[in-house]
Amino acid sequence: MIKIYCCYLLIILSVIIISIGCNRQNPKVLVKTSLGDIVIEIYEKKAPVSATNFLRYVKENRFQGATFYRTVRMDNQPNNDVKIEVIQGGLKGDTHPQSLPPIGHETTNKTGILHKNGVISMARNEPGKKFKGEIVFVGYSISAPDKGLGEYKNMDVRNKFVFVFKGSPADVEAPRGFFSPKIAEVDSVEKWEVESQDSTKIMVAYEKGAAGIIFYNPESEQGFPFRRESLENSPFTRDFVIVSDVNERVFHWIFWKDPQESSGGFEQRMRQIQLDIKLKKVRSFATGIKAEIKGFDNTTLYGKKFGNHICKNVIAKITGTNPELKNEYTQRGEAAI
């Protein structure tokens, strides 16, 4: 969705956006309309999240057939305390098949770009970071149809949170006394060594268009330690939520919805799902539960590309009577992400 702060353009029927190249400073994009052309300069350094998202729409031809569909004038917003003059265009609606997952809000305080005549801005709902979406269960998040298991098959996870088990289905064992498939009779059990890594599951969900991924370790209340891998350049070009571990209470709230189901019955049902996945049976499904993740102000991309890949390890704050040291910290060592 594009919001164009340019009050003298009122009626534009369609828009086709193509890249016309870039210079050493900022890339430029040509917008072709029925009333004339517009050249847009993209400030990648000042607004990296918004710019990256916009350019992705351009490069993937997602604006084909887009329109300018809304004009806001001083005389058609009588009940608004703060009045604006804009035309708004794009794909009109978050559910459009060409839409990408929403990005986080990049404020004017952060970018330094003000909403003046001729400025292009991304439309927003409300300030701050907030992500909403349905929770979809995708088993162990194994996406390897060439190996006989594709847990994302026929699952639309765009703009949704995928709930996945940590670890590998190869490690699932049937409890004693429980009627289940005899795993020993299977000729060979796939180990899923690469596919079962957290980093792989994150990138698969991200590339499938999910809004985020929620991990749960079904074998332990404490969960596995979540390891962050070093990256020279961040692979993310949009906001993506990673919940590294949720507790058993949250797990029960999402999956144990039948009040007539006993705790033993619930445990057996979930164990059967795990065993089925081990035998390469897809058990993915929509939970019918919607989640909202909020409570933070911004997200940050790290890496050499962004000039923020050097970390300093703060170990103590200096205290004393010297006022010049009031806000000083001691540090030891530094590391590159």
Protein backbone atom coordinates (compact mmCIF):
# COMPACT_ATOMS: atom_id res chain seq x y z
CA MET A 1 0.00 0.00 0.00
CA ILE A 2 1.43 3.38 -0.97
CA LYS A 3 0.46 6.67 0.55
CA ILE A 4 1.53 9.62 -1.61
CA TYR A 5 1.64 13.04 -0.01
CA CYS A 6 1.04 15.07 -3.16
CA CYS A 7 -2.20 17.03 -2.99
CA TYR A 8 -2.34 18.16 -6.63
CA LEU A 9 -2.76 14.59 -7.99
CA LEU A 10 -6.41 13.76 -7.45
CA ILE A 11 -7.63 11.30 -10.09
CA ILE A 12 -5.25 8.59 -11.26
CA LEU A 13 -6.79 5.39 -12.56
CA SER A 14 -3.94 2.92 -12.72
CA VAL A 15 -0.28 2.58 -11.97
CA ILE A 16 2.54 0.45 -13.33
CA ILE A 17 5.82 0.65 -11.48
CA ILE A 18 9.12 -0.23 -13.09
CA SER A 19 12.69 0.31 -12.01
CA ILE A 20 14.60 2.81 -14.11
CA GLY A 21 17.95 2.35 -12.42
CA CYS A 22 19.87 3.91 -9.56
CA ASN A 23 22.83 6.15 -8.92
CA ARG A 24 25.40 6.08 -6.18
CA GLN A 25 23.01 7.79 -3.83
CA ASN A 26 19.45 6.45 -4.03
CA PRO A 27 17.60 4.17 -6.47
CA LYS A 28 14.78 5.70 -8.50
CA VAL A 29 11.50 4.16 -9.66
CA LEU A 30 9.24 5.31 -12.49
CA VAL A 31 5.48 5.28 -11.84
CA LYS A 32 3.46 5.32 -15.07
CA THR A 33 -0.15 6.50 -14.77
CA SER A 34 -2.98 7.47 -17.09
CA LEU A 35 -2.35 11.14 -16.23
CA GLY A 36 1.43 11.15 -16.55
CA ASP A 37 4.62 9.76 -15.07
CA ILE A 38 6.08 10.17 -11.60
CA VAL A 39 9.71 9.53 -10.64
CA ILE A 40 10.20 8.38 -7.05
CA GLU A 41 13.56 8.55 -5.27
CA ILE A 42 13.95 5.84 -2.62
CA TYR A 43 15.87 6.68 0.57
CA GLU A 44 17.28 3.25 1.43
CA LYS A 45 19.63 4.45 4.15
CA LYS A 46 17.10 6.63 5.97
CA ALA A 47 14.19 4.17 5.77
CA PRO A 48 15.72 0.71 5.13
CA VAL A 49 12.68 -1.35 6.15
CA SER A 50 10.13 0.63 4.12
CA ALA A 51 12.49 1.04 1.17
CA THR A 52 13.39 -2.65 1.02
CA ASN A 53 9.73 -3.63 1.17
CA PHE A 54 8.73 -1.14 -1.57
CA LEU A 55 11.56 -2.19 -3.88
CA ARG A 56 10.63 -5.83 -3.41
CA TYR A 57 7.14 -5.04 -4.69
CA VAL A 58 8.75 -3.34 -7.69
CA LYS A 59 11.25 -6.07 -8.50
CA GLU A 60 8.63 -8.83 -8.19
CA ASN A 61 6.09 -6.90 -10.32
CA ARG A 62 3.54 -6.98 -7.53
CA PHE A 63 2.19 -3.51 -8.37
CA GLN A 64 0.95 -4.59 -11.80
CA GLY A 65 -2.68 -3.49 -12.05
CA ALA A 66 -2.52 -1.39 -8.90
CA THR A 67 -4.64 1.77 -8.67
CA PHE A 68 -4.92 5.05 -6.82
CA TYR A 69 -8.20 4.49 -5.03
CA ARG A 70 -8.49 7.13 -2.29
CA THR A 71 -8.27 10.91 -2.19
CA VAL A 72 -8.30 12.79 1.10
CA ARG A 73 -8.98 16.52 0.90
CA MET A 74 -9.53 19.18 3.51
CA ASP A 75 -13.29 19.15 2.83
CA ASN A 76 -13.98 15.39 3.10
CA GLN A 77 -12.66 14.67 6.61
CA PRO A 78 -14.81 16.89 8.85
CA ASN A 79 -14.50 14.69 11.94
CA ASN A 80 -10.72 14.27 11.88
CA ASP A 81 -8.78 16.29 14.46
CA VAL A 82 -5.64 16.15 12.32
CA LYS A 83 -6.43 16.84 8.67
CA ILE A 84 -4.26 15.62 5.82
CA GLU A 85 -4.18 15.95 2.03
CA VAL A 86 -3.15 12.71 0.34
CA ILE A 87 -3.90 10.31 -2.42
CA GLN A 88 -3.55 6.65 -1.57
CA GLY A 89 -2.77 3.84 -3.94
CA GLY A 90 -1.58 0.28 -4.16
CA LEU A 91 -3.26 -3.12 -4.09
CA LYS A 92 -6.09 -2.04 -1.79
CA GLY A 93 -6.32 -4.52 1.05
CA ASP A 94 -3.98 -6.77 3.03
CA THR A 95 -5.63 -9.90 1.61
CA HIS A 96 -4.79 -9.15 -2.03
CA PRO A 97 -3.01 -12.19 -3.53
CA GLN A 98 -0.07 -10.02 -4.60
CA SER A 99 0.38 -8.50 -1.13
CA LEU A 100 3.45 -9.26 0.96
CA PRO A 101 3.31 -9.67 4.75
CA PRO A 102 3.08 -6.31 6.55
CA ILE A 103 6.23 -4.63 7.79
CA GLY A 104 6.89 -2.78 11.00
CA HIS A 105 6.25 0.93 11.45
CA GLU A 106 9.24 3.13 10.60
CA THR A 107 8.48 6.44 12.30
CA THR A 108 9.48 9.90 11.12
CA ASN A 109 11.56 10.22 14.28
CA LYS A 110 13.59 7.26 13.12
CA THR A 111 13.90 8.18 9.42
CA GLY A 112 13.99 11.97 9.63
CA ILE A 113 11.70 12.09 6.57
CA LEU A 114 8.69 14.34 7.12
CA HIS A 115 5.28 14.02 5.47
CA LYS A 116 5.46 17.03 3.17
CA ASN A 117 4.15 17.64 -0.36
CA GLY A 118 5.61 15.15 -2.81
CA VAL A 119 6.77 12.66 -0.18
CA ILE A 120 5.86 8.96 -0.50
CA SER A 121 4.95 7.17 2.72
CA MET A 122 3.75 3.69 3.66
CA ALA A 123 0.26 3.58 5.18
CA ARG A 124 0.03 2.31 8.74
CA ASN A 125 -2.61 1.21 11.20
CA GLU A 126 -1.24 2.49 14.50
CA PRO A 127 2.19 3.44 15.88
CA GLY A 128 4.45 0.82 17.35
CA LYS A 129 5.01 -2.81 16.54
CA LYS A 130 2.09 -5.20 16.53
CA PHE A 131 1.59 -8.45 14.67
CA LYS A 132 -1.72 -10.26 14.32
CA GLY A 133 -2.38 -13.55 12.62
CA GLU A 134 -3.88 -17.00 12.79
CA ILE A 135 -1.81 -19.80 14.30
CA VAL A 136 -1.17 -22.70 11.92
CA PHE A 137 0.38 -25.95 13.14
CA VAL A 138 3.06 -27.26 10.77
CA GLY A 139 4.43 -30.19 12.76
CA TYR A 140 8.23 -30.14 12.75
CA SER A 141 8.31 -27.66 9.85
CA ILE A 142 9.93 -30.18 7.52
CA SER A 143 9.72 -28.93 3.94
CA ALA A 144 11.44 -31.69 1.98
CA PRO A 145 8.98 -33.25 -0.49
CA ASP A 146 11.93 -34.84 -2.33
CA LYS A 147 12.53 -36.86 0.84
CA GLY A 148 8.90 -37.79 1.25
CA LEU A 149 7.71 -35.14 3.72
CA GLY A 150 6.39 -31.67 2.91
CA GLU A 151 4.54 -30.32 5.95
CA TYR A 152 3.66 -27.05 4.20
CA LYS A 153 1.81 -28.85 1.39
CA ASN A 154 -1.61 -27.28 0.77
CA MET A 155 -1.06 -24.97 3.77
CA ASP A 156 -1.39 -21.22 3.23
CA VAL A 157 0.76 -19.64 5.94
CA ARG A 158 1.04 -16.14 4.48
CA ASN A 159 0.67 -13.48 7.18
CA LYS A 160 0.12 -16.21 9.78
CA PHE A 161 2.13 -17.59 12.70
CA VAL A 162 3.40 -21.12 12.20
CA PHE A 163 3.55 -23.23 15.36
CA VAL A 164 6.24 -25.91 15.14
CA PHE A 165 7.87 -28.54 17.32
CA LYS A 166 11.55 -28.22 18.09
CA GLY A 167 13.91 -31.00 17.16
CA SER A 168 13.46 -33.83 14.69
CA PRO A 169 10.57 -36.31 14.28
CA ALA A 170 13.26 -38.99 13.99
CA ASP A 171 13.81 -38.70 17.75
CA VAL A 172 10.17 -39.38 18.67
CA GLU A 173 9.62 -42.56 20.69
CA ALA A 174 6.30 -44.23 21.43
CA PRO A 175 5.58 -44.42 25.19
CA ARG A 176 5.32 -47.85 26.79
CA GLY A 177 1.91 -49.45 26.61
CA PHE A 178 0.69 -47.03 23.97
CA PHE A 179 -0.86 -48.54 20.85
CA SER A 180 1.13 -46.96 18.02
CA PRO A 181 2.89 -47.85 14.76
CA LYS A 182 5.92 -50.03 15.25
CA ILE A 183 8.73 -47.72 14.29
CA ALA A 184 11.19 -50.64 14.24
CA GLU A 185 9.36 -52.14 11.27
CA VAL A 186 10.15 -49.14 9.09
CA ASP A 187 13.10 -49.90 6.83
CA SER A 188 14.78 -46.58 7.54
CA VAL A 189 13.83 -43.45 9.42
CA GLU A 190 14.92 -40.16 7.88
CA LYS A 191 17.11 -38.16 10.29
CA TRP A 192 16.21 -34.70 8.94
CA GLU A 193 19.52 -33.36 10.24
CA VAL A 194 19.43 -30.10 8.27
CA GLU A 195 15.67 -29.68 8.11
CA SER A 196 15.28 -30.03 11.90
CA GLN A 197 17.62 -27.14 12.73
CA ASP A 198 15.95 -24.05 14.14
CA SER A 199 17.63 -21.81 11.57
CA THR A 200 16.27 -23.93 8.69
CA LYS A 201 12.75 -23.91 10.13
CA ILE A 202 12.88 -20.14 10.55
CA MET A 203 13.94 -19.51 6.96
CA VAL A 204 11.38 -21.97 5.55
CA ALA A 205 8.55 -20.21 7.41
CA TYR A 206 9.90 -16.81 6.38
CA GLU A 207 10.18 -17.79 2.71
CA LYS A 208 6.65 -19.21 2.78
CA GLY A 209 5.39 -15.74 3.73
CA ALA A 210 4.58 -16.40 7.40
CA ALA A 211 4.40 -13.46 9.79
CA GLY A 212 6.40 -15.40 12.37
CA ILE A 213 7.28 -18.75 13.87
CA ILE A 214 6.51 -20.12 17.35
CA PHE A 215 8.66 -22.94 18.72
CA TYR A 216 7.59 -25.52 21.30
CA ASN A 217 9.66 -28.37 22.69
CA PRO A 218 7.27 -31.28 23.33
CA GLU A 219 9.89 -33.26 25.25
CA SER A 220 10.81 -30.79 27.97
CA GLU A 221 9.19 -27.91 29.82
CA GLN A 222 12.52 -26.07 29.75
CA GLY A 223 12.93 -26.25 25.97
CA PHE A 224 16.10 -26.35 23.95
CA PRO A 225 18.55 -23.47 24.10
CA PHE A 226 17.93 -21.17 21.16
CA ARG A 227 21.16 -20.64 19.27
CA ARG A 228 21.69 -17.49 17.24
CA GLU A 229 23.91 -17.97 14.22
CA SER A 230 26.37 -15.38 12.97
CA LEU A 231 25.29 -13.68 9.75
CA GLU A 232 27.35 -11.39 7.55
CA ASN A 233 24.18 -9.99 5.98
CA SER A 234 20.72 -10.42 7.42
CA PRO A 235 18.54 -12.67 5.23
CA PHE A 236 15.42 -10.78 6.33
CA THR A 237 13.99 -7.97 4.23
CA ARG A 238 10.81 -7.59 6.29
CA ASP A 239 9.79 -7.91 9.91
CA PHE A 240 9.50 -11.50 11.07
CA VAL A 241 8.60 -12.61 14.60
CA ILE A 242 10.53 -15.48 16.20
CA VAL A 243 9.18 -16.87 19.48
CA SER A 244 12.01 -19.15 20.54
CA ASP A 245 9.98 -21.18 23.06
CA VAL A 246 6.55 -21.21 24.66
CA ASN A 247 5.60 -23.10 27.80
CA GLU A 248 3.22 -26.01 28.21
CA ARG A 249 0.38 -23.76 29.32
CA VAL A 250 0.37 -21.92 26.01
CA PHE A 251 0.64 -25.22 24.15
CA HIS A 252 -2.42 -26.58 25.96
CA TRP A 253 -4.38 -23.38 25.36
CA ILE A 254 -3.87 -23.69 21.60
CA PHE A 255 -4.31 -27.44 21.09
CA TRP A 256 -6.37 -28.77 24.03
CA LYS A 257 -9.76 -27.22 23.27
CA ASP A 258 -12.09 -30.15 23.85
CA PRO A 259 -13.29 -30.02 27.49
CA GLN A 260 -14.30 -33.70 27.25
CA GLU A 261 -10.77 -34.82 26.37
CA SER A 262 -8.77 -36.19 29.30
CA SER A 263 -5.15 -35.24 29.90
CA GLY A 264 -4.10 -38.76 28.97
CA GLY A 265 -6.16 -38.63 25.78
CA PHE A 266 -4.62 -35.29 24.84
CA GLU A 267 -1.09 -36.58 25.40
CA GLN A 268 -1.78 -39.69 23.31
CA ARG A 269 -3.29 -37.62 20.51
CA MET A 270 -0.30 -35.32 20.32
CA ARG A 271 2.13 -38.23 20.53
CA GLN A 272 0.29 -39.93 17.67
CA ILE A 273 0.73 -36.79 15.59
CA GLN A 274 4.47 -36.87 16.26
CA LEU A 275 4.69 -40.56 15.35
CA ASP A 276 2.73 -39.98 12.15
CA ILE A 277 5.16 -37.26 11.12
CA LYS A 278 8.05 -39.60 11.84
CA LEU A 279 6.44 -42.00 9.36
CA LYS A 280 6.24 -39.13 6.83
CA LYS A 281 2.53 -38.48 7.27
CA VAL A 282 1.62 -34.79 7.09
CA ARG A 283 -0.41 -33.67 10.12
CA SER A 284 -0.48 -29.90 9.53
CA PHE A 285 -3.69 -27.99 10.25
CA ALA A 286 -5.14 -24.58 11.05
CA THR A 287 -5.74 -24.24 14.80
CA GLY A 288 -8.52 -21.66 14.53
CA ILE A 289 -6.66 -19.59 17.14
CA LYS A 290 -5.53 -16.04 16.41
CA ALA A 291 -2.61 -14.39 18.15
CA GLU A 292 -1.40 -10.85 18.62
CA ILE A 293 2.23 -10.19 19.45
CA LYS A 294 3.03 -6.69 20.66
CA GLY A 295 4.84 -4.81 23.37
CA PHE A 296 7.97 -3.73 21.51
CA ASP A 297 8.77 -0.57 19.56
CA ASN A 298 11.03 -1.64 16.74
CA THR A 299 12.99 -4.37 15.07
CA THR A 300 16.53 -4.07 13.76
CA LEU A 301 18.45 -5.73 10.97
CA TYR A 302 22.07 -6.53 11.83
CA GLY A 303 25.06 -7.20 9.62
CA LYS A 304 27.94 -5.58 7.75
CA LYS A 305 25.50 -4.23 5.19
CA PHE A 306 23.86 -2.12 7.91
CA GLY A 307 27.08 -1.04 9.62
CA ASN A 308 26.03 -2.38 13.03
CA HIS A 309 27.72 -5.77 13.13
CA ILE A 310 30.17 -4.90 15.95
CA CYS A 311 28.92 -5.83 19.41
CA LYS A 312 30.42 -4.72 22.71
CA ASN A 313 30.05 -6.77 25.85
CA VAL A 314 29.02 -4.49 28.72
CA ILE A 315 29.87 -6.06 32.06
CA ALA A 316 29.42 -3.31 34.63
CA LYS A 317 28.35 0.26 35.21
CA ILE A 318 30.80 2.65 36.76
CA THR A 319 29.63 4.29 39.95
CA GLY A 320 31.29 6.99 41.95
CA THR A 321 31.29 10.69 42.69
CA ASN A 322 32.66 11.90 39.35
CA PRO A 323 29.63 13.30 37.42
CA GLU A 324 31.43 12.77 34.11
CA LEU A 325 31.25 9.01 34.70
CA LYS A 326 27.56 8.95 35.55
CA ASN A 327 26.52 7.35 32.26
CA GLU A 328 29.73 5.46 31.53
CA TYR A 329 30.00 1.68 31.34
CA THR A 330 32.96 -0.63 31.43
CA GLN A 331 33.26 -3.10 28.62
CA ARG A 332 35.37 -6.07 27.72
CA GLY A 333 35.83 -7.34 24.21
CA GLU A 334 33.82 -6.91 21.06
CA ALA A 335 32.51 -9.27 18.44
CA ALA A 336 31.29 -9.14 14.88
CA ILE A 337 27.89 -10.59 14.13
